[in-house]
Every structure is written in structure tokens, then in C-alpha cells.
Amino acid sequence: MSWRRSTFLLPTLIALLSAFGLFAALLGDGLWDAPAWLGLGIPAVLGTWPLLRRRKKLPR
């Protein structure tokens, strides 16, 4: 089965990335800050990406 046909693959990967980011944020400071930012930032960007796209201008 291809990854495009799987309904739950992408949401599962986003959830795992978020869980990893939360876990890294709880572990401590220093080297754990970068994985926490990535693990929590990437899902946030993916969730807001459709809102950030430019709208096409309608012809008059």
C-alpha cells in the first residue's frame, strides 16, 4: 500500500513528531531545546500552512 493511500499515515507522523517535541521539551534545557523547537514547530507550520498560502486574484 502506498503512503498516499493510507489515510492515517501523515496524521500519525505529525502526532509522533509532536509527542517527540513535547518529550524533548520536558527533558531539559540546552541540547534538548533544538529538538523541542523542531518537534513542536514543524507540526504547527504544517497545521497553518493552508492559511498562509496566497489567494489567487479573481478576474474582474
PDB file of N, CA and C in Angstrom:
ATOM      1  N   MET A   1       0.851  -1.174   0.000  1.00  0.00           N
ATOM      2  CA  MET A   1       0.000   0.000   0.000  1.00  0.00           C
ATOM      3  C   MET A   1       0.895   1.236   0.000  1.00  0.00           C
ATOM      4  N   SER A   2       0.601   2.169  -0.865  1.00  0.00           N
ATOM      5  CA  SER A   2       1.438   3.366  -0.949  1.00  0.00           C
ATOM      6  C   SER A   2       1.085   4.325   0.180  1.00  0.00           C
ATOM      7  N   TRP A   3       1.988   5.231   0.444  1.00  0.00           N
ATOM      8  CA  TRP A   3       1.769   6.169   1.547  1.00  0.00           C
ATOM      9  C   TRP A   3       0.646   7.144   1.232  1.00  0.00           C
ATOM     10  N   ARG A   4       0.356   7.392  -0.036  1.00  0.00           N
ATOM     11  CA  ARG A   4      -0.727   8.304  -0.397  1.00  0.00           C
ATOM     12  C   ARG A   4      -2.094   7.679  -0.141  1.00  0.00           C
ATOM     13  N   ARG A   5      -2.166   6.381  -0.183  1.00  0.00           N
ATOM     14  CA  ARG A   5      -3.449   5.708   0.026  1.00  0.00           C
ATOM     15  C   ARG A   5      -3.764   5.512   1.497  1.00  0.00           C
ATOM     16  N   SER A   6      -2.787   5.679   2.328  1.00  0.00           N
ATOM     17  CA  SER A   6      -3.015   5.494   3.754  1.00  0.00           C
ATOM     18  C   SER A   6      -3.612   6.767   4.351  1.00  0.00           C
ATOM     19  N   THR A   7      -4.769   6.649   4.929  1.00  0.00           N
ATOM     20  CA  THR A   7      -5.469   7.802   5.479  1.00  0.00           C
ATOM     21  C   THR A   7      -4.805   8.308   6.753  1.00  0.00           C
ATOM     22  N   PHE A   8      -4.251   7.427   7.519  1.00  0.00           N
ATOM     23  CA  PHE A   8      -3.777   7.799   8.840  1.00  0.00           C
ATOM     24  C   PHE A   8      -2.265   7.959   8.938  1.00  0.00           C
ATOM     25  N   LEU A   9      -1.537   7.784   7.861  1.00  0.00           N
ATOM     26  CA  LEU A   9      -0.082   7.836   7.936  1.00  0.00           C
ATOM     27  C   LEU A   9       0.429   9.239   8.272  1.00  0.00           C
ATOM     28  N   LEU A  10       0.012  10.241   7.534  1.00  0.00           N
ATOM     29  CA  LEU A  10       0.505  11.597   7.774  1.00  0.00           C
ATOM     30  C   LEU A  10       0.058  12.139   9.136  1.00  0.00           C
ATOM     31  N   PRO A  11      -1.205  11.996   9.528  1.00  0.00           N
ATOM     32  CA  PRO A  11      -1.568  12.443  10.879  1.00  0.00           C
ATOM     33  C   PRO A  11      -0.816  11.703  11.985  1.00  0.00           C
ATOM     34  N   THR A  12      -0.527  10.426  11.773  1.00  0.00           N
ATOM     35  CA  THR A  12       0.235   9.664  12.765  1.00  0.00           C
ATOM     36  C   THR A  12       1.659  10.191  12.864  1.00  0.00           C
ATOM     37  N   LEU A  13       2.283  10.490  11.736  1.00  0.00           N
ATOM     38  CA  LEU A  13       3.639  11.042  11.758  1.00  0.00           C
ATOM     39  C   LEU A  13       3.675  12.408  12.426  1.00  0.00           C
ATOM     40  N   ILE A  14       2.672  13.234  12.175  1.00  0.00           N
ATOM     41  CA  ILE A  14       2.608  14.549  12.818  1.00  0.00           C
ATOM     42  C   ILE A  14       2.412  14.383  14.326  1.00  0.00           C
ATOM     43  N   ALA A  15       1.579  13.434  14.726  1.00  0.00           N
ATOM     44  CA  ALA A  15       1.364  13.189  16.159  1.00  0.00           C
ATOM     45  C   ALA A  15       2.635  12.688  16.834  1.00  0.00           C
ATOM     46  N   LEU A  16       3.362  11.790  16.172  1.00  0.00           N
ATOM     47  CA  LEU A  16       4.617  11.297  16.746  1.00  0.00           C
ATOM     48  C   LEU A  16       5.661  12.399  16.849  1.00  0.00           C
ATOM     49  N   LEU A  17       5.715  13.258  15.849  1.00  0.00           N
ATOM     50  CA  LEU A  17       6.647  14.383  15.885  1.00  0.00           C
ATOM     51  C   LEU A  17       6.295  15.335  17.018  1.00  0.00           C
ATOM     52  N   SER A  18       5.009  15.596  17.210  1.00  0.00           N
ATOM     53  CA  SER A  18       4.567  16.448  18.312  1.00  0.00           C
ATOM     54  C   SER A  18       4.887  15.819  19.664  1.00  0.00           C
ATOM     55  N   ALA A  19       4.648  14.515  19.789  1.00  0.00           N
ATOM     56  CA  ALA A  19       4.947  13.829  21.055  1.00  0.00           C
ATOM     57  C   ALA A  19       6.437  13.872  21.343  1.00  0.00           C
ATOM     58  N   PHE A  20       7.255  13.683  20.315  1.00  0.00           N
ATOM     59  CA  PHE A  20       8.704  13.775  20.498  1.00  0.00           C
ATOM     60  C   PHE A  20       9.108  15.177  20.929  1.00  0.00           C
ATOM     61  N   GLY A  21       8.498  16.194  20.325  1.00  0.00           N
ATOM     62  CA  GLY A  21       8.801  17.576  20.708  1.00  0.00           C
ATOM     63  C   GLY A  21       8.411  17.873  22.142  1.00  0.00           C
ATOM     64  N   LEU A  22       7.255  17.388  22.551  1.00  0.00           N
ATOM     65  CA  LEU A  22       6.834  17.592  23.938  1.00  0.00           C
ATOM     66  C   LEU A  22       7.749  16.860  24.912  1.00  0.00           C
ATOM     67  N   PHE A  23       8.119  15.641  24.556  1.00  0.00           N
ATOM     68  CA  PHE A  23       9.024  14.865  25.404  1.00  0.00           C
ATOM     69  C   PHE A  23      10.376  15.558  25.521  1.00  0.00           C
ATOM     70  N   ALA A  24      10.897  16.060  24.412  1.00  0.00           N
ATOM     71  CA  ALA A  24      12.183  16.762  24.432  1.00  0.00           C
ATOM     72  C   ALA A  24      12.085  18.056  25.244  1.00  0.00           C
ATOM     73  N   ALA A  25      10.945  18.728  25.166  1.00  0.00           N
ATOM     74  CA  ALA A  25      10.774  19.972  25.930  1.00  0.00           C
ATOM     75  C   ALA A  25      10.722  19.697  27.428  1.00  0.00           C
ATOM     76  N   LEU A  26      10.191  18.548  27.806  1.00  0.00           N
ATOM     77  CA  LEU A  26      10.109  18.206  29.220  1.00  0.00           C
ATOM     78  C   LEU A  26      11.419  17.683  29.787  1.00  0.00           C
ATOM     79  N   LEU A  27      12.303  17.181  28.925  1.00  0.00           N
ATOM     80  CA  LEU A  27      13.536  16.574  29.409  1.00  0.00           C
ATOM     81  C   LEU A  27      14.531  17.586  29.976  1.00  0.00           C
ATOM     82  N   GLY A  28      14.600  18.737  29.385  1.00  0.00           N
ATOM     83  CA  GLY A  28      15.551  19.688  29.944  1.00  0.00           C
ATOM     84  C   GLY A  28      15.909  20.795  28.981  1.00  0.00           C
ATOM     85  N   ASP A  29      16.961  21.503  29.340  1.00  0.00           N
ATOM     86  CA  ASP A  29      17.430  22.639  28.559  1.00  0.00           C
ATOM     87  C   ASP A  29      18.698  22.269  27.816  1.00  0.00           C
ATOM     88  N   GLY A  30      19.220  23.244  27.110  1.00  0.00           N
ATOM     89  CA  GLY A  30      20.472  23.027  26.402  1.00  0.00           C
ATOM     90  C   GLY A  30      20.252  22.329  25.083  1.00  0.00           C
ATOM     91  N   LEU A  31      20.810  21.130  24.959  1.00  0.00           N
ATOM     92  CA  LEU A  31      20.715  20.392  23.702  1.00  0.00           C
ATOM     93  C   LEU A  31      19.297  19.932  23.389  1.00  0.00           C
ATOM     94  N   TRP A  32      18.439  19.856  24.376  1.00  0.00           N
ATOM     95  CA  TRP A  32      17.069  19.407  24.156  1.00  0.00           C
ATOM     96  C   TRP A  32      16.186  20.510  23.577  1.00  0.00           C
ATOM     97  N   ASP A  33      16.657  21.749  23.600  1.00  0.00           N
ATOM     98  CA  ASP A  33      15.839  22.845  23.088  1.00  0.00           C
ATOM     99  C   ASP A  33      15.611  22.746  21.584  1.00  0.00           C
ATOM    100  N   ALA A  34      16.638  22.399  20.825  1.00  0.00           N
ATOM    101  CA  ALA A  34      16.501  22.326  19.366  1.00  0.00           C
ATOM    102  C   ALA A  34      15.509  21.233  18.942  1.00  0.00           C
ATOM    103  N   PRO A  35      15.609  20.003  19.467  1.00  0.00           N
ATOM    104  CA  PRO A  35      14.591  19.007  19.086  1.00  0.00           C
ATOM    105  C   PRO A  35      13.181  19.397  19.541  1.00  0.00           C
ATOM    106  N   ALA A  36      13.085  20.091  20.671  1.00  0.00           N
ATOM    107  CA  ALA A  36      11.767  20.529  21.141  1.00  0.00           C
ATOM    108  C   ALA A  36      11.178  21.556  20.185  1.00  0.00           C
ATOM    109  N   TRP A  37      11.984  22.515  19.753  1.00  0.00           N
ATOM    110  CA  TRP A  37      11.507  23.524  18.805  1.00  0.00           C
ATOM    111  C   TRP A  37      11.108  22.886  17.484  1.00  0.00           C
ATOM    112  N   LEU A  38      11.922  21.973  16.998  1.00  0.00           N
ATOM    113  CA  LEU A  38      11.591  21.310  15.732  1.00  0.00           C
ATOM    114  C   LEU A  38      10.360  20.416  15.868  1.00  0.00           C
ATOM    115  N   GLY A  39      10.315  19.664  16.952  1.00  0.00           N
ATOM    116  CA  GLY A  39       9.213  18.739  17.148  1.00  0.00           C
ATOM    117  C   GLY A  39       7.876  19.422  17.364  1.00  0.00           C
ATOM    118  N   LEU A  40       7.901  20.636  17.888  1.00  0.00           N
ATOM    119  CA  LEU A  40       6.655  21.371  18.090  1.00  0.00           C
ATOM    120  C   LEU A  40       6.409  22.402  16.997  1.00  0.00           C
ATOM    121  N   GLY A  41       7.466  22.869  16.351  1.00  0.00           N
ATOM    122  CA  GLY A  41       7.319  23.894  15.326  1.00  0.00           C
ATOM    123  C   GLY A  41       6.864  23.359  13.984  1.00  0.00           C
ATOM    124  N   ILE A  42       7.401  22.224  13.584  1.00  0.00           N
ATOM    125  CA  ILE A  42       7.033  21.661  12.278  1.00  0.00           C
ATOM    126  C   ILE A  42       5.541  21.317  12.220  1.00  0.00           C
ATOM    127  N   PRO A  43       4.966  20.647  13.217  1.00  0.00           N
ATOM    128  CA  PRO A  43       3.520  20.398  13.151  1.00  0.00           C
ATOM    129  C   PRO A  43       2.693  21.694  13.167  1.00  0.00           C
ATOM    130  N   ALA A  44       3.173  22.707  13.884  1.00  0.00           N
ATOM    131  CA  ALA A  44       2.452  23.978  13.896  1.00  0.00           C
ATOM    132  C   ALA A  44       2.465  24.633  12.517  1.00  0.00           C
ATOM    133  N   VAL A  45       3.607  24.589  11.844  1.00  0.00           N
ATOM    134  CA  VAL A  45       3.690  25.149  10.492  1.00  0.00           C
ATOM    135  C   VAL A  45       2.831  24.338   9.524  1.00  0.00           C
ATOM    136  N   LEU A  46       2.876  23.022   9.638  1.00  0.00           N
ATOM    137  CA  LEU A  46       2.053  22.181   8.765  1.00  0.00           C
ATOM    138  C   LEU A  46       0.566  22.423   8.987  1.00  0.00           C
ATOM    139  N   GLY A  47       0.185  22.703  10.209  1.00  0.00           N
ATOM    140  CA  GLY A  47      -1.223  22.955  10.502  1.00  0.00           C
ATOM    141  C   GLY A  47      -1.712  24.298  10.007  1.00  0.00           C
ATOM    142  N   THR A  48      -0.832  25.273   9.944  1.00  0.00           N
ATOM    143  CA  THR A  48      -1.226  26.604   9.498  1.00  0.00           C
ATOM    144  C   THR A  48      -0.864  26.879   8.044  1.00  0.00           C
ATOM    145  N   TRP A  49      -0.202  25.936   7.386  1.00  0.00           N
ATOM    146  CA  TRP A  49       0.242  26.152   6.004  1.00  0.00           C
ATOM    147  C   TRP A  49      -0.913  26.537   5.064  1.00  0.00           C
ATOM    148  N   PRO A  50      -2.068  25.869   5.124  1.00  0.00           N
ATOM    149  CA  PRO A  50      -3.154  26.275   4.209  1.00  0.00           C
ATOM    150  C   PRO A  50      -3.623  27.709   4.455  1.00  0.00           C
ATOM    151  N   LEU A  51      -3.485  28.209   5.664  1.00  0.00           N
ATOM    152  CA  LEU A  51      -3.901  29.582   5.957  1.00  0.00           C
ATOM    153  C   LEU A  51      -2.895  30.600   5.442  1.00  0.00           C
ATOM    154  N   LEU A  52      -1.651  30.186   5.255  1.00  0.00           N
ATOM    155  CA  LEU A  52      -0.600  31.105   4.846  1.00  0.00           C
ATOM    156  C   LEU A  52      -0.456  31.230   3.332  1.00  0.00           C
ATOM    157  N   ARG A  53      -1.105  30.344   2.592  1.00  0.00           N
ATOM    158  CA  ARG A  53      -0.980  30.401   1.136  1.00  0.00           C
ATOM    159  C   ARG A  53      -1.644  31.653   0.605  1.00  0.00           C
ATOM    160  N   ARG A  54      -1.092  32.173  -0.476  1.00  0.00           N
ATOM    161  CA  ARG A  54      -1.680  33.350  -1.100  1.00  0.00           C
ATOM    162  C   ARG A  54      -2.951  32.964  -1.830  1.00  0.00           C
ATOM    163  N   ARG A  55      -3.895  33.862  -1.766  1.00  0.00           N
ATOM    164  CA  ARG A  55      -5.117  33.639  -2.509  1.00  0.00           C
ATOM    165  C   ARG A  55      -4.936  34.138  -3.931  1.00  0.00           C
ATOM    166  N   LYS A  56      -5.509  33.425  -4.863  1.00  0.00           N
ATOM    167  CA  LYS A  56      -5.425  33.852  -6.247  1.00  0.00           C
ATOM    168  C   LYS A  56      -6.363  35.028  -6.466  1.00  0.00           C
ATOM    169  N   LYS A  57      -5.901  35.969  -7.276  1.00  0.00           N
ATOM    170  CA  LYS A  57      -6.757  37.115  -7.583  1.00  0.00           C
ATOM    171  C   LYS A  57      -7.851  36.686  -8.547  1.00  0.00           C
ATOM    172  N   LEU A  58      -9.040  37.127  -8.235  1.00  0.00           N
ATOM    173  CA  LEU A  58     -10.178  36.808  -9.087  1.00  0.00           C
ATOM    174  C   LEU A  58     -10.212  37.786 -10.262  1.00  0.00           C
ATOM    175  N   PRO A  59     -10.502  37.312 -11.459  1.00  0.00           N
ATOM    176  CA  PRO A  59     -10.596  38.233 -12.600  1.00  0.00           C
ATOM    177  C   PRO A  59     -11.837  39.118 -12.459  1.00  0.00           C
ATOM    178  N   ARG A  60     -11.692  40.349 -12.907  1.00  0.00           N
ATOM    179  CA  ARG A  60     -12.824  41.285 -12.801  1.00  0.00           C
ATOM    180  C   ARG A  60     -13.621  41.308 -14.052  1.00  0.00           C
TER     181      ARG A  60
END
